[in-house]
Amino acid sequence: MALKIAEQNGTFFVNGVIDSSTASSFLNHFQYLMKNEKMLTVNIDEVSKIDTCGMLVLYKLHMNSLIHSINFKITGKKSDEIYQGFYCTKVA
């Protein structure tokens, strides 16, 4: 499934899936935006699936935003689950 990204009033609305087939282009698009923006908001309400590759890309963007002092937010119905995934550690 194709991934569509549309900007409205400073928020980037993502529609589709963030998986191994779309993760690279998603990452490249937002890394390019981070070069010129100090604030990025990504809304994932219309994302139907995020696999492991998708989570890794979101984590990389989150970490890059911290390193480069960019206000990066993920919003939407499942955004809390994504942020919990960033900080979840596996204990054996």
Protein backbone atom coordinates (compact mmCIF):
# COMPACT_ATOMS: atom_id res chain seq x y z
CA MET A 1 0.00 0.00 0.00
CA ALA A 2 1.26 3.47 -0.88
CA LEU A 3 2.10 5.94 1.84
CA LYS A 4 0.66 9.43 1.49
CA ILE A 5 1.88 12.43 3.46
CA ALA A 6 -0.02 15.71 3.37
CA GLU A 7 0.79 18.90 5.28
CA GLN A 8 -1.92 21.09 6.76
CA ASN A 9 -1.17 24.01 9.08
CA GLY A 10 2.22 22.61 10.07
CA THR A 11 0.97 19.09 10.78
CA PHE A 12 1.93 16.21 8.50
CA PHE A 13 -0.90 13.72 8.10
CA VAL A 14 0.26 10.21 7.18
CA ASN A 15 -2.10 7.81 5.41
CA GLY A 16 -1.28 4.16 4.67
CA VAL A 17 1.21 1.78 6.24
CA ILE A 18 4.67 2.39 7.65
CA ASP A 19 6.41 -0.90 7.01
CA SER A 20 9.51 -2.32 5.37
CA SER A 21 8.31 -1.22 1.91
CA THR A 22 7.69 2.42 2.90
CA ALA A 23 10.05 3.00 5.86
CA SER A 24 13.02 4.21 3.82
CA SER A 25 11.10 6.87 1.90
CA PHE A 26 9.29 7.93 5.08
CA LEU A 27 12.61 8.36 6.88
CA ASN A 28 14.19 10.26 3.98
CA HIS A 29 11.22 12.61 3.70
CA PHE A 30 11.22 13.57 7.37
CA GLN A 31 15.01 13.78 7.64
CA TYR A 32 14.90 16.27 4.77
CA LEU A 33 12.22 18.28 6.57
CA MET A 34 14.27 18.25 9.78
CA LYS A 35 17.08 20.08 8.01
CA ASN A 36 14.86 23.15 7.60
CA GLU A 37 12.27 22.91 10.36
CA LYS A 38 12.57 23.29 14.11
CA MET A 39 9.12 21.82 14.75
CA LEU A 40 7.47 18.79 13.14
CA THR A 41 4.14 17.24 14.05
CA VAL A 42 3.19 13.90 12.49
CA ASN A 43 -0.40 12.68 12.77
CA ILE A 44 -0.81 8.91 12.41
CA ASP A 45 -4.60 8.61 12.73
CA GLU A 46 -4.87 7.23 9.19
CA VAL A 47 -1.95 4.81 9.48
CA SER A 48 -3.40 1.30 9.30
CA LYS A 49 -0.23 -0.61 10.17
CA ILE A 50 3.21 0.01 11.63
CA ASP A 51 5.61 -2.94 11.61
CA THR A 52 9.03 -3.27 13.26
CA CYS A 53 10.74 -1.33 10.46
CA GLY A 54 8.17 1.44 10.85
CA MET A 55 8.74 1.62 14.59
CA LEU A 56 12.49 1.78 14.04
CA VAL A 57 12.07 4.70 11.63
CA LEU A 58 9.84 6.59 14.07
CA TYR A 59 12.39 5.93 16.82
CA LYS A 60 15.25 7.19 14.62
CA LEU A 61 13.32 10.37 13.85
CA HIS A 62 12.55 10.82 17.54
CA MET A 63 16.22 10.40 18.49
CA ASN A 64 17.40 12.73 15.70
CA SER A 65 14.98 15.36 16.94
CA LEU A 66 16.47 15.14 20.43
CA ILE A 67 20.03 15.37 19.11
CA HIS A 68 19.27 18.38 16.89
CA SER A 69 16.83 20.15 19.27
CA ILE A 70 13.83 19.78 16.97
CA ASN A 71 10.36 19.73 18.48
CA PHE A 72 9.10 16.44 16.98
CA LYS A 73 5.65 15.17 17.96
CA ILE A 74 3.71 12.09 16.94
CA THR A 75 -0.01 12.59 17.41
CA GLY A 76 -3.02 10.39 16.85
CA LYS A 77 -5.03 7.65 18.49
CA LYS A 78 -2.09 5.26 18.88
CA SER A 79 0.69 7.77 19.58
CA ASP A 80 0.90 6.82 23.26
CA GLU A 81 1.57 3.20 22.28
CA ILE A 82 4.39 4.32 20.00
CA TYR A 83 6.05 6.41 22.69
CA GLN A 84 5.73 3.50 25.13
CA GLY A 85 7.44 1.29 22.55
CA PHE A 86 10.37 3.71 22.42
CA TYR A 87 11.07 3.33 26.11
CA CYS A 88 10.10 -0.28 26.66
CA THR A 89 12.97 -2.58 27.50
CA LYS A 90 12.92 -6.34 27.52
CA VAL A 91 13.97 -7.89 30.81
CA ALA A 92 15.01 -11.55 30.80
